[in-house]
Amino acid sequence: MSFWDKVAGIYDITESLNGKVYKSMLRGVKQIVPEGAKVLDCAAGTGELSITASEKAESVICTDLSMAMLEQAKKKCAKLGIENITFEERDIFHMSDEDETYDIVMAGNVLHLIENPEEAVKELYRVTKKGGKLILPTFVHKNAGTKALIDFYKKFGFNPASDFTVESYSRMLNDCKLGPVKVTFVDGIIPLAFAVMKKR
């Protein structure tokens, strides 16, 4: 059982501890997703980004490698009566979709967790339509206090592959040389780099 399977049942509680950052992230998603969009959400966890996108999207595919996380997302959507979200187990590095399938592709708070995040970004970019956008918010380090909290999580099996700062995260995305990138810093207990890439 993975770390994410273990924490699926309490994940939303831990999110609430960083509530200011999550609310800002969800507002950003809602502003960017156009009406009637076809959306893919990768590493979706318990589905907060998918749920927000569904308010304007025609359809959302909510995906994750953790079936326990997806079960939590399904329960939330059923409780809210949301019917335009489907759920699939997927690997962010290997999509079954054809090129240029989605208007919006999201991968929230995952690129700092994986080795070779550039390869994941390229795969996400591949399935995004021309003129579409990738929404790539990712937690970043700000100070010693943030590091102490992350170190605490590590004791329970949390194992990020990268300790991004806003600068190093922006540099990684720009080094992919795919399209223009805008990165906004969101301050909080664990701050966020809210990145948006437009496909040319």
N, C-alpha and C. Protein backbone atom coordinates (compact mmCIF):
# COMPACT_ATOMS: atom_id res chain seq x y z
N MET A 1 0.85 -1.20 0.00
CA MET A 1 0.00 0.00 0.00
C MET A 1 0.88 1.25 0.00
N SER A 2 0.59 2.16 -0.92
CA SER A 2 1.40 3.37 -1.03
C SER A 2 1.06 4.37 0.07
N PHE A 3 1.92 5.36 0.24
CA PHE A 3 1.66 6.45 1.18
C PHE A 3 0.32 7.10 0.88
N TRP A 4 0.02 7.29 -0.41
CA TRP A 4 -1.20 7.99 -0.80
C TRP A 4 -2.44 7.15 -0.52
N ASP A 5 -2.34 5.82 -0.67
CA ASP A 5 -3.46 4.96 -0.28
C ASP A 5 -3.72 5.07 1.22
N LYS A 6 -2.64 5.13 2.00
CA LYS A 6 -2.76 5.18 3.45
C LYS A 6 -3.44 6.46 3.94
N VAL A 7 -3.14 7.58 3.26
CA VAL A 7 -3.64 8.87 3.76
C VAL A 7 -4.90 9.34 3.05
N ALA A 8 -5.42 8.54 2.12
CA ALA A 8 -6.57 8.99 1.33
C ALA A 8 -7.75 9.44 2.19
N GLY A 9 -8.00 8.70 3.27
CA GLY A 9 -9.15 9.01 4.11
C GLY A 9 -9.03 10.29 4.91
N ILE A 10 -7.81 10.76 5.11
CA ILE A 10 -7.60 11.99 5.90
C ILE A 10 -6.99 13.11 5.08
N TYR A 11 -6.84 12.87 3.77
CA TYR A 11 -6.14 13.84 2.93
C TYR A 11 -6.81 15.21 2.94
N ASP A 12 -8.12 15.22 2.90
CA ASP A 12 -8.83 16.51 2.88
C ASP A 12 -8.64 17.28 4.18
N ILE A 13 -8.45 16.56 5.28
CA ILE A 13 -8.18 17.24 6.55
C ILE A 13 -6.82 17.93 6.50
N THR A 14 -5.81 17.25 5.95
CA THR A 14 -4.49 17.86 5.85
C THR A 14 -4.52 19.04 4.88
N GLU A 15 -5.33 18.96 3.83
CA GLU A 15 -5.48 20.08 2.91
C GLU A 15 -6.02 21.31 3.64
N SER A 16 -6.96 21.08 4.54
CA SER A 16 -7.60 22.20 5.24
C SER A 16 -6.62 22.96 6.12
N LEU A 17 -5.54 22.30 6.56
CA LEU A 17 -4.52 22.97 7.37
C LEU A 17 -3.80 24.04 6.56
N ASN A 18 -3.79 23.88 5.25
CA ASN A 18 -3.17 24.85 4.34
C ASN A 18 -4.26 25.53 3.51
N GLY A 19 -5.38 25.83 4.20
CA GLY A 19 -6.61 26.25 3.53
C GLY A 19 -6.49 27.48 2.65
N LYS A 20 -5.73 28.48 3.09
CA LYS A 20 -5.59 29.71 2.30
C LYS A 20 -5.01 29.41 0.93
N VAL A 21 -4.01 28.56 0.90
CA VAL A 21 -3.34 28.22 -0.36
C VAL A 21 -4.29 27.43 -1.26
N TYR A 22 -5.00 26.46 -0.69
CA TYR A 22 -5.92 25.65 -1.50
C TYR A 22 -7.05 26.49 -2.08
N LYS A 23 -7.60 27.40 -1.29
CA LYS A 23 -8.68 28.24 -1.80
C LYS A 23 -8.20 29.12 -2.95
N SER A 24 -6.98 29.64 -2.84
CA SER A 24 -6.42 30.45 -3.91
C SER A 24 -6.21 29.62 -5.17
N MET A 25 -5.72 28.39 -4.99
CA MET A 25 -5.51 27.50 -6.12
C MET A 25 -6.82 27.19 -6.84
N LEU A 26 -7.87 26.92 -6.08
CA LEU A 26 -9.16 26.60 -6.68
C LEU A 26 -9.75 27.81 -7.40
N ARG A 27 -9.56 29.00 -6.84
CA ARG A 27 -10.02 30.22 -7.52
C ARG A 27 -9.31 30.37 -8.86
N GLY A 28 -8.01 30.10 -8.87
CA GLY A 28 -7.24 30.19 -10.10
C GLY A 28 -7.74 29.23 -11.16
N VAL A 29 -8.03 28.00 -10.75
CA VAL A 29 -8.55 27.00 -11.69
C VAL A 29 -9.89 27.46 -12.26
N LYS A 30 -10.77 27.94 -11.40
CA LYS A 30 -12.10 28.35 -11.85
C LYS A 30 -12.02 29.50 -12.86
N GLN A 31 -11.08 30.40 -12.67
CA GLN A 31 -10.91 31.53 -13.59
C GLN A 31 -10.41 31.08 -14.96
N ILE A 32 -9.57 30.05 -14.99
CA ILE A 32 -8.91 29.65 -16.23
C ILE A 32 -9.75 28.71 -17.08
N VAL A 33 -10.48 27.78 -16.45
CA VAL A 33 -11.25 26.79 -17.21
C VAL A 33 -12.38 27.50 -17.97
N PRO A 34 -12.41 27.35 -19.30
CA PRO A 34 -13.48 27.99 -20.07
C PRO A 34 -14.78 27.18 -20.04
N GLU A 35 -15.87 27.85 -20.32
CA GLU A 35 -17.16 27.16 -20.39
C GLU A 35 -17.11 26.10 -21.48
N GLY A 36 -17.63 24.92 -21.15
CA GLY A 36 -17.72 23.85 -22.14
C GLY A 36 -16.43 23.12 -22.43
N ALA A 37 -15.43 23.29 -21.58
CA ALA A 37 -14.12 22.70 -21.82
C ALA A 37 -14.12 21.19 -21.58
N LYS A 38 -13.20 20.54 -22.27
CA LYS A 38 -12.90 19.13 -22.03
C LYS A 38 -11.63 19.11 -21.19
N VAL A 39 -11.70 18.55 -19.97
CA VAL A 39 -10.63 18.69 -18.99
C VAL A 39 -10.09 17.34 -18.56
N LEU A 40 -8.77 17.26 -18.42
CA LEU A 40 -8.10 16.10 -17.83
C LEU A 40 -7.39 16.55 -16.56
N ASP A 41 -7.64 15.86 -15.46
CA ASP A 41 -6.99 16.15 -14.19
C ASP A 41 -6.13 14.95 -13.80
N CYS A 42 -4.81 15.14 -13.76
CA CYS A 42 -3.88 14.06 -13.47
C CYS A 42 -3.37 14.16 -12.04
N ALA A 43 -3.14 12.99 -11.41
CA ALA A 43 -2.74 12.96 -10.01
C ALA A 43 -3.72 13.79 -9.19
N ALA A 44 -5.00 13.51 -9.40
CA ALA A 44 -6.08 14.36 -8.90
C ALA A 44 -6.35 14.19 -7.41
N GLY A 45 -5.81 13.14 -6.79
CA GLY A 45 -6.06 12.94 -5.38
C GLY A 45 -7.55 12.76 -5.10
N THR A 46 -8.07 13.53 -4.17
CA THR A 46 -9.49 13.41 -3.80
C THR A 46 -10.39 14.30 -4.65
N GLY A 47 -9.84 14.87 -5.72
CA GLY A 47 -10.67 15.48 -6.75
C GLY A 47 -11.05 16.93 -6.60
N GLU A 48 -10.37 17.68 -5.74
CA GLU A 48 -10.77 19.08 -5.54
C GLU A 48 -10.66 19.91 -6.82
N LEU A 49 -9.57 19.74 -7.58
CA LEU A 49 -9.43 20.50 -8.82
C LEU A 49 -10.47 20.06 -9.84
N SER A 50 -10.73 18.75 -9.90
CA SER A 50 -11.74 18.24 -10.82
C SER A 50 -13.12 18.82 -10.50
N ILE A 51 -13.46 18.84 -9.23
CA ILE A 51 -14.76 19.36 -8.81
C ILE A 51 -14.90 20.83 -9.19
N THR A 52 -13.85 21.60 -8.95
CA THR A 52 -13.89 23.02 -9.32
C THR A 52 -14.03 23.20 -10.82
N ALA A 53 -13.24 22.43 -11.59
CA ALA A 53 -13.30 22.53 -13.06
C ALA A 53 -14.67 22.13 -13.59
N SER A 54 -15.32 21.19 -12.93
CA SER A 54 -16.61 20.66 -13.41
C SER A 54 -17.71 21.71 -13.41
N GLU A 55 -17.52 22.79 -12.64
CA GLU A 55 -18.54 23.84 -12.59
C GLU A 55 -18.70 24.53 -13.94
N LYS A 56 -17.64 24.53 -14.75
CA LYS A 56 -17.70 25.19 -16.05
C LYS A 56 -17.45 24.23 -17.22
N ALA A 57 -16.79 23.11 -16.95
CA ALA A 57 -16.41 22.19 -18.01
C ALA A 57 -17.59 21.37 -18.52
N GLU A 58 -17.48 20.94 -19.76
CA GLU A 58 -18.44 19.96 -20.28
C GLU A 58 -18.18 18.60 -19.66
N SER A 59 -16.89 18.24 -19.57
CA SER A 59 -16.53 16.94 -19.00
C SER A 59 -15.16 17.02 -18.35
N VAL A 60 -14.96 16.23 -17.30
CA VAL A 60 -13.68 16.15 -16.61
C VAL A 60 -13.34 14.68 -16.39
N ILE A 61 -12.12 14.30 -16.73
CA ILE A 61 -11.62 12.97 -16.38
C ILE A 61 -10.67 13.14 -15.20
N CYS A 62 -11.04 12.56 -14.08
CA CYS A 62 -10.29 12.66 -12.83
C CYS A 62 -9.44 11.40 -12.69
N THR A 63 -8.11 11.55 -12.70
CA THR A 63 -7.23 10.39 -12.71
C THR A 63 -6.21 10.43 -11.59
N ASP A 64 -5.79 9.25 -11.17
CA ASP A 64 -4.75 9.12 -10.15
C ASP A 64 -4.24 7.69 -10.19
N LEU A 65 -3.03 7.47 -9.67
CA LEU A 65 -2.51 6.11 -9.54
C LEU A 65 -3.07 5.42 -8.30
N SER A 66 -3.54 6.20 -7.34
CA SER A 66 -4.09 5.66 -6.09
C SER A 66 -5.61 5.47 -6.22
N MET A 67 -6.04 4.21 -6.22
CA MET A 67 -7.48 3.95 -6.30
C MET A 67 -8.18 4.41 -5.02
N ALA A 68 -7.47 4.39 -3.90
CA ALA A 68 -8.07 4.86 -2.65
C ALA A 68 -8.40 6.35 -2.74
N MET A 69 -7.51 7.12 -3.35
CA MET A 69 -7.77 8.54 -3.56
C MET A 69 -8.97 8.73 -4.48
N LEU A 70 -9.03 7.96 -5.56
CA LEU A 70 -10.14 8.09 -6.50
C LEU A 70 -11.47 7.70 -5.85
N GLU A 71 -11.45 6.73 -4.95
CA GLU A 71 -12.67 6.35 -4.25
C GLU A 71 -13.18 7.52 -3.40
N GLN A 72 -12.27 8.24 -2.77
CA GLN A 72 -12.66 9.43 -2.01
C GLN A 72 -13.26 10.49 -2.93
N ALA A 73 -12.64 10.67 -4.09
CA ALA A 73 -13.15 11.64 -5.06
C ALA A 73 -14.55 11.25 -5.53
N LYS A 74 -14.76 9.97 -5.80
CA LYS A 74 -16.07 9.50 -6.24
C LYS A 74 -17.14 9.78 -5.18
N LYS A 75 -16.81 9.52 -3.92
CA LYS A 75 -17.76 9.75 -2.84
C LYS A 75 -18.14 11.23 -2.75
N LYS A 76 -17.15 12.10 -2.88
CA LYS A 76 -17.43 13.54 -2.81
C LYS A 76 -18.33 13.98 -3.95
N CYS A 77 -18.05 13.48 -5.15
CA CYS A 77 -18.86 13.86 -6.31
C CYS A 77 -20.29 13.34 -6.19
N ALA A 78 -20.42 12.12 -5.69
CA ALA A 78 -21.76 11.56 -5.50
C ALA A 78 -22.55 12.39 -4.49
N LYS A 79 -21.90 12.78 -3.42
CA LYS A 79 -22.56 13.59 -2.39
C LYS A 79 -22.99 14.94 -2.94
N LEU A 80 -22.18 15.51 -3.85
CA LEU A 80 -22.47 16.82 -4.42
C LEU A 80 -23.38 16.74 -5.65
N GLY A 81 -23.66 15.52 -6.11
CA GLY A 81 -24.52 15.35 -7.27
C GLY A 81 -23.86 15.74 -8.58
N ILE A 82 -22.54 15.64 -8.65
CA ILE A 82 -21.81 16.00 -9.87
C ILE A 82 -21.82 14.82 -10.83
N GLU A 83 -22.21 15.08 -12.08
CA GLU A 83 -22.37 13.99 -13.05
C GLU A 83 -21.46 14.10 -14.27
N ASN A 84 -20.67 15.17 -14.35
CA ASN A 84 -19.82 15.33 -15.54
C ASN A 84 -18.36 14.99 -15.28
N ILE A 85 -18.09 14.23 -14.20
CA ILE A 85 -16.74 13.76 -13.90
C ILE A 85 -16.71 12.25 -13.98
N THR A 86 -15.73 11.72 -14.71
CA THR A 86 -15.47 10.28 -14.73
C THR A 86 -14.11 10.03 -14.08
N PHE A 87 -13.86 8.79 -13.69
CA PHE A 87 -12.68 8.46 -12.89
C PHE A 87 -11.89 7.33 -13.53
N GLU A 88 -10.56 7.51 -13.59
CA GLU A 88 -9.71 6.48 -14.18
C GLU A 88 -8.38 6.41 -13.45
N GLU A 89 -7.85 5.20 -13.34
CA GLU A 89 -6.50 5.02 -12.83
C GLU A 89 -5.54 5.25 -13.99
N ARG A 90 -4.60 6.20 -13.81
CA ARG A 90 -3.69 6.54 -14.92
C ARG A 90 -2.30 6.90 -14.42
N ASP A 91 -1.33 6.69 -15.31
CA ASP A 91 0.06 7.05 -15.08
C ASP A 91 0.33 8.36 -15.81
N ILE A 92 0.79 9.36 -15.09
CA ILE A 92 1.02 10.68 -15.67
C ILE A 92 2.07 10.68 -16.78
N PHE A 93 2.93 9.66 -16.80
CA PHE A 93 3.98 9.59 -17.82
C PHE A 93 3.52 8.90 -19.10
N HIS A 94 2.42 8.18 -19.04
CA HIS A 94 1.99 7.38 -20.19
C HIS A 94 0.48 7.49 -20.36
N MET A 95 0.05 8.46 -21.17
CA MET A 95 -1.37 8.67 -21.42
C MET A 95 -1.82 7.85 -22.63
N SER A 96 -3.02 7.33 -22.55
CA SER A 96 -3.56 6.58 -23.68
C SER A 96 -4.23 7.48 -24.71
N ASP A 97 -4.36 8.77 -24.39
CA ASP A 97 -5.07 9.70 -25.27
C ASP A 97 -4.26 10.06 -26.52
N GLU A 98 -4.98 10.43 -27.55
CA GLU A 98 -4.34 10.95 -28.75
C GLU A 98 -3.82 12.36 -28.49
N ASP A 99 -2.95 12.83 -29.37
CA ASP A 99 -2.44 14.20 -29.26
C ASP A 99 -3.60 15.19 -29.30
N GLU A 100 -3.44 16.28 -28.54
CA GLU A 100 -4.36 17.42 -28.59
C GLU A 100 -5.82 17.01 -28.35
N THR A 101 -6.04 16.34 -27.22
CA THR A 101 -7.38 15.85 -26.87
C THR A 101 -8.14 16.83 -25.98
N TYR A 102 -7.45 17.53 -25.09
CA TYR A 102 -8.11 18.30 -24.03
C TYR A 102 -7.87 19.80 -24.14
N ASP A 103 -8.89 20.57 -23.76
CA ASP A 103 -8.75 22.03 -23.71
C ASP A 103 -7.91 22.45 -22.52
N ILE A 104 -8.09 21.76 -21.41
CA ILE A 104 -7.36 22.04 -20.17
C ILE A 104 -6.81 20.74 -19.60
N VAL A 105 -5.53 20.76 -19.24
CA VAL A 105 -4.92 19.62 -18.56
C VAL A 105 -4.35 20.13 -17.24
N MET A 106 -4.70 19.46 -16.15
CA MET A 106 -4.26 19.89 -14.82
C MET A 106 -3.45 18.78 -14.16
N ALA A 107 -2.43 19.19 -13.42
CA ALA A 107 -1.66 18.27 -12.58
C ALA A 107 -1.25 19.06 -11.34
N GLY A 108 -2.03 18.93 -10.29
CA GLY A 108 -1.83 19.76 -9.11
C GLY A 108 -1.00 19.06 -8.03
N ASN A 109 0.04 19.74 -7.60
CA ASN A 109 0.85 19.29 -6.46
C ASN A 109 1.40 17.88 -6.64
N VAL A 110 1.94 17.64 -7.83
CA VAL A 110 2.53 16.32 -8.10
C VAL A 110 3.94 16.41 -8.67
N LEU A 111 4.26 17.48 -9.39
CA LEU A 111 5.55 17.51 -10.09
C LEU A 111 6.74 17.53 -9.14
N HIS A 112 6.54 17.97 -7.90
CA HIS A 112 7.62 17.92 -6.92
C HIS A 112 7.79 16.53 -6.32
N LEU A 113 6.85 15.64 -6.61
CA LEU A 113 6.88 14.30 -6.02
C LEU A 113 7.57 13.27 -6.91
N ILE A 114 7.75 13.57 -8.18
CA ILE A 114 8.20 12.56 -9.13
C ILE A 114 9.58 12.86 -9.70
N GLU A 115 10.28 11.78 -10.04
CA GLU A 115 11.53 11.91 -10.77
C GLU A 115 11.22 12.30 -12.22
N ASN A 116 12.08 13.07 -12.83
CA ASN A 116 11.92 13.50 -14.23
C ASN A 116 10.58 14.21 -14.48
N PRO A 117 10.30 15.27 -13.71
CA PRO A 117 9.02 15.98 -13.93
C PRO A 117 8.91 16.56 -15.34
N GLU A 118 10.05 16.85 -15.97
CA GLU A 118 10.02 17.39 -17.34
C GLU A 118 9.31 16.42 -18.30
N GLU A 119 9.54 15.12 -18.11
CA GLU A 119 8.91 14.13 -18.99
C GLU A 119 7.40 14.10 -18.77
N ALA A 120 6.98 14.27 -17.54
CA ALA A 120 5.54 14.33 -17.26
C ALA A 120 4.92 15.56 -17.91
N VAL A 121 5.61 16.70 -17.81
CA VAL A 121 5.10 17.93 -18.42
C VAL A 121 4.95 17.76 -19.93
N LYS A 122 5.92 17.13 -20.55
CA LYS A 122 5.87 16.92 -22.00
C LYS A 122 4.69 16.03 -22.40
N GLU A 123 4.40 15.02 -21.58
CA GLU A 123 3.27 14.15 -21.87
C GLU A 123 1.94 14.89 -21.67
N LEU A 124 1.86 15.70 -20.64
CA LEU A 124 0.67 16.51 -20.41
C LEU A 124 0.46 17.51 -21.56
N TYR A 125 1.56 18.08 -22.01
CA TYR A 125 1.51 19.04 -23.13
C TYR A 125 1.03 18.35 -24.40
N ARG A 126 1.47 17.12 -24.61
CA ARG A 126 1.11 16.38 -25.82
C ARG A 126 -0.40 16.24 -25.96
N VAL A 127 -1.10 15.97 -24.87
CA VAL A 127 -2.54 15.71 -24.96
C VAL A 127 -3.37 16.99 -24.85
N THR A 128 -2.71 18.14 -24.72
CA THR A 128 -3.40 19.43 -24.66
C THR A 128 -3.60 19.98 -26.06
N LYS A 129 -4.78 20.51 -26.33
CA LYS A 129 -5.06 21.10 -27.64
C LYS A 129 -4.24 22.37 -27.85
N LYS A 130 -3.96 22.70 -29.10
CA LYS A 130 -3.32 23.98 -29.41
C LYS A 130 -4.22 25.11 -28.94
N GLY A 131 -3.61 26.07 -28.26
CA GLY A 131 -4.38 27.15 -27.67
C GLY A 131 -4.94 26.82 -26.30
N GLY A 132 -4.83 25.55 -25.90
CA GLY A 132 -5.27 25.12 -24.58
C GLY A 132 -4.22 25.43 -23.52
N LYS A 133 -4.54 25.08 -22.28
CA LYS A 133 -3.64 25.42 -21.19
C LYS A 133 -3.39 24.24 -20.26
N LEU A 134 -2.16 24.20 -19.73
CA LEU A 134 -1.80 23.30 -18.65
C LEU A 134 -1.81 24.10 -17.36
N ILE A 135 -2.48 23.58 -16.36
CA ILE A 135 -2.50 24.19 -15.03
C ILE A 135 -1.68 23.30 -14.11
N LEU A 136 -0.54 23.83 -13.62
CA LEU A 136 0.45 23.01 -12.93
C LEU A 136 0.85 23.62 -11.58
N PRO A 137 -0.08 23.73 -10.65
CA PRO A 137 0.28 24.27 -9.32
C PRO A 137 1.10 23.26 -8.53
N THR A 138 2.14 23.72 -7.87
CA THR A 138 3.02 22.82 -7.14
C THR A 138 3.54 23.50 -5.87
N PHE A 139 3.56 22.73 -4.79
CA PHE A 139 4.08 23.26 -3.54
C PHE A 139 5.57 23.56 -3.65
N VAL A 140 5.98 24.65 -3.01
CA VAL A 140 7.39 25.06 -3.03
C VAL A 140 7.84 25.40 -1.61
N HIS A 141 9.16 25.45 -1.44
CA HIS A 141 9.73 25.82 -0.15
C HIS A 141 9.93 27.33 -0.09
N LYS A 142 9.74 27.86 1.10
CA LYS A 142 9.93 29.30 1.30
C LYS A 142 10.96 29.58 2.37
N ASN A 143 10.91 28.83 3.45
CA ASN A 143 11.78 29.13 4.59
C ASN A 143 12.00 27.88 5.43
N ALA A 144 12.71 28.01 6.52
CA ALA A 144 13.04 26.88 7.39
C ALA A 144 11.78 26.26 7.99
N GLY A 145 10.76 27.09 8.26
CA GLY A 145 9.53 26.57 8.82
C GLY A 145 8.82 25.61 7.88
N THR A 146 8.81 25.96 6.60
CA THR A 146 8.22 25.08 5.60
C THR A 146 8.97 23.76 5.54
N LYS A 147 10.29 23.84 5.56
CA LYS A 147 11.11 22.63 5.51
C LYS A 147 10.84 21.74 6.72
N ALA A 148 10.66 22.34 7.88
CA ALA A 148 10.40 21.56 9.09
C ALA A 148 9.09 20.80 8.97
N LEU A 149 8.06 21.43 8.37
CA LEU A 149 6.77 20.77 8.22
C LEU A 149 6.89 19.61 7.22
N ILE A 150 7.60 19.84 6.11
CA ILE A 150 7.80 18.77 5.13
C ILE A 150 8.57 17.62 5.76
N ASP A 151 9.59 17.93 6.55
CA ASP A 151 10.37 16.89 7.22
C ASP A 151 9.49 16.06 8.15
N PHE A 152 8.52 16.72 8.78
CA PHE A 152 7.58 16.01 9.65
C PHE A 152 6.76 15.02 8.84
N TYR A 153 6.25 15.45 7.67
CA TYR A 153 5.47 14.57 6.81
C TYR A 153 6.29 13.37 6.34
N LYS A 154 7.57 13.61 6.11
CA LYS A 154 8.44 12.53 5.63
C LYS A 154 8.50 11.37 6.60
N LYS A 155 8.32 11.63 7.88
CA LYS A 155 8.35 10.57 8.88
C LYS A 155 7.22 9.57 8.68
N PHE A 156 6.18 9.98 7.96
CA PHE A 156 5.03 9.11 7.71
C PHE A 156 5.06 8.50 6.30
N GLY A 157 6.18 8.69 5.60
CA GLY A 157 6.33 8.07 4.29
C GLY A 157 6.23 9.02 3.11
N PHE A 158 5.99 10.29 3.37
CA PHE A 158 5.97 11.30 2.30
C PHE A 158 7.40 11.47 1.76
N ASN A 159 7.55 11.38 0.43
CA ASN A 159 8.90 11.35 -0.12
C ASN A 159 8.99 12.16 -1.42
N PRO A 160 9.01 13.49 -1.33
CA PRO A 160 9.11 14.30 -2.55
C PRO A 160 10.45 14.11 -3.24
N ALA A 161 10.44 14.15 -4.56
CA ALA A 161 11.67 13.98 -5.32
C ALA A 161 12.44 15.28 -5.48
N SER A 162 11.73 16.43 -5.39
CA SER A 162 12.36 17.73 -5.60
C SER A 162 11.92 18.70 -4.50
N ASP A 163 12.84 19.55 -4.09
CA ASP A 163 12.54 20.62 -3.15
C ASP A 163 12.52 21.94 -3.92
N PHE A 164 11.47 22.13 -4.72
CA PHE A 164 11.41 23.31 -5.59
C PHE A 164 11.25 24.60 -4.78
N THR A 165 11.89 25.65 -5.26
CA THR A 165 11.54 27.01 -4.91
C THR A 165 10.74 27.56 -6.10
N VAL A 166 10.17 28.74 -5.96
CA VAL A 166 9.47 29.34 -7.10
C VAL A 166 10.42 29.47 -8.28
N GLU A 167 11.65 29.88 -7.99
CA GLU A 167 12.62 30.11 -9.06
C GLU A 167 13.01 28.82 -9.76
N SER A 168 13.30 27.78 -8.98
CA SER A 168 13.74 26.53 -9.60
C SER A 168 12.58 25.83 -10.32
N TYR A 169 11.36 25.98 -9.81
CA TYR A 169 10.20 25.39 -10.48
C TYR A 169 9.95 26.11 -11.81
N SER A 170 10.00 27.43 -11.80
CA SER A 170 9.82 28.20 -13.03
C SER A 170 10.89 27.83 -14.05
N ARG A 171 12.11 27.67 -13.57
CA ARG A 171 13.22 27.31 -14.47
C ARG A 171 13.00 25.94 -15.10
N MET A 172 12.54 24.97 -14.30
CA MET A 172 12.28 23.64 -14.83
C MET A 172 11.23 23.68 -15.93
N LEU A 173 10.14 24.42 -15.70
CA LEU A 173 9.07 24.50 -16.70
C LEU A 173 9.54 25.21 -17.97
N ASN A 174 10.29 26.29 -17.80
CA ASN A 174 10.80 27.00 -18.97
C ASN A 174 11.83 26.19 -19.74
N ASP A 175 12.60 25.37 -19.02
CA ASP A 175 13.60 24.53 -19.68
C ASP A 175 12.97 23.44 -20.54
N CYS A 176 11.67 23.16 -20.31
CA CYS A 176 10.98 22.20 -21.18
C CYS A 176 10.80 22.75 -22.58
N LYS A 177 10.86 24.09 -22.71
CA LYS A 177 10.79 24.77 -24.01
C LYS A 177 9.55 24.35 -24.81
N LEU A 178 8.40 24.40 -24.16
CA LEU A 178 7.16 23.99 -24.80
C LEU A 178 6.26 25.17 -25.13
N GLY A 179 6.13 26.09 -24.20
CA GLY A 179 5.24 27.22 -24.42
C GLY A 179 5.43 28.24 -23.33
N PRO A 180 4.82 29.41 -23.47
CA PRO A 180 4.97 30.45 -22.46
C PRO A 180 4.41 30.00 -21.11
N VAL A 181 5.14 30.34 -20.06
CA VAL A 181 4.77 29.92 -18.70
C VAL A 181 4.58 31.15 -17.82
N LYS A 182 3.48 31.17 -17.08
CA LYS A 182 3.26 32.21 -16.08
C LYS A 182 3.19 31.54 -14.71
N VAL A 183 4.01 32.01 -13.77
CA VAL A 183 4.05 31.42 -12.44
C VAL A 183 3.72 32.50 -11.41
N THR A 184 2.73 32.22 -10.58
CA THR A 184 2.31 33.14 -9.52
C THR A 184 2.58 32.50 -8.16
N PHE A 185 3.18 33.25 -7.26
CA PHE A 185 3.47 32.75 -5.93
C PHE A 185 2.27 32.95 -5.01
N VAL A 186 1.86 31.88 -4.33
CA VAL A 186 0.76 31.94 -3.37
C VAL A 186 1.34 31.62 -2.00
N ASP A 187 1.34 32.59 -1.10
CA ASP A 187 1.95 32.40 0.21
C ASP A 187 1.01 31.63 1.14
N GLY A 188 1.59 30.91 2.08
CA GLY A 188 0.82 30.15 3.05
C GLY A 188 1.72 29.28 3.89
N ILE A 189 1.13 28.40 4.70
CA ILE A 189 1.92 27.50 5.53
C ILE A 189 2.89 26.71 4.66
N ILE A 190 2.34 26.08 3.62
CA ILE A 190 3.18 25.51 2.56
C ILE A 190 2.82 26.29 1.30
N PRO A 191 3.68 27.18 0.84
CA PRO A 191 3.33 28.03 -0.30
C PRO A 191 3.27 27.26 -1.61
N LEU A 192 2.75 27.93 -2.61
CA LEU A 192 2.45 27.30 -3.88
C LEU A 192 2.97 28.15 -5.03
N ALA A 193 3.50 27.48 -6.04
CA ALA A 193 3.79 28.13 -7.31
C ALA A 193 2.67 27.73 -8.27
N PHE A 194 1.78 28.69 -8.59
CA PHE A 194 0.64 28.40 -9.48
C PHE A 194 1.10 28.68 -10.91
N ALA A 195 1.39 27.60 -11.63
CA ALA A 195 1.95 27.74 -12.98
C ALA A 195 0.91 27.42 -14.04
N VAL A 196 0.91 28.21 -15.07
CA VAL A 196 0.02 28.01 -16.21
C VAL A 196 0.86 28.08 -17.48
N MET A 197 0.74 27.06 -18.32
CA MET A 197 1.47 27.01 -19.59
C MET A 197 0.47 26.96 -20.73
N LYS A 198 0.62 27.83 -21.71
CA LYS A 198 -0.27 27.82 -22.86
C LYS A 198 0.38 27.09 -24.03
N LYS A 199 -0.39 26.21 -24.65
CA LYS A 199 0.16 25.46 -25.78
C LYS A 199 0.08 26.28 -27.05
N ARG A 200 1.21 26.40 -27.69
CA ARG A 200 1.28 27.18 -28.92
C ARG A 200 0.81 26.37 -30.12
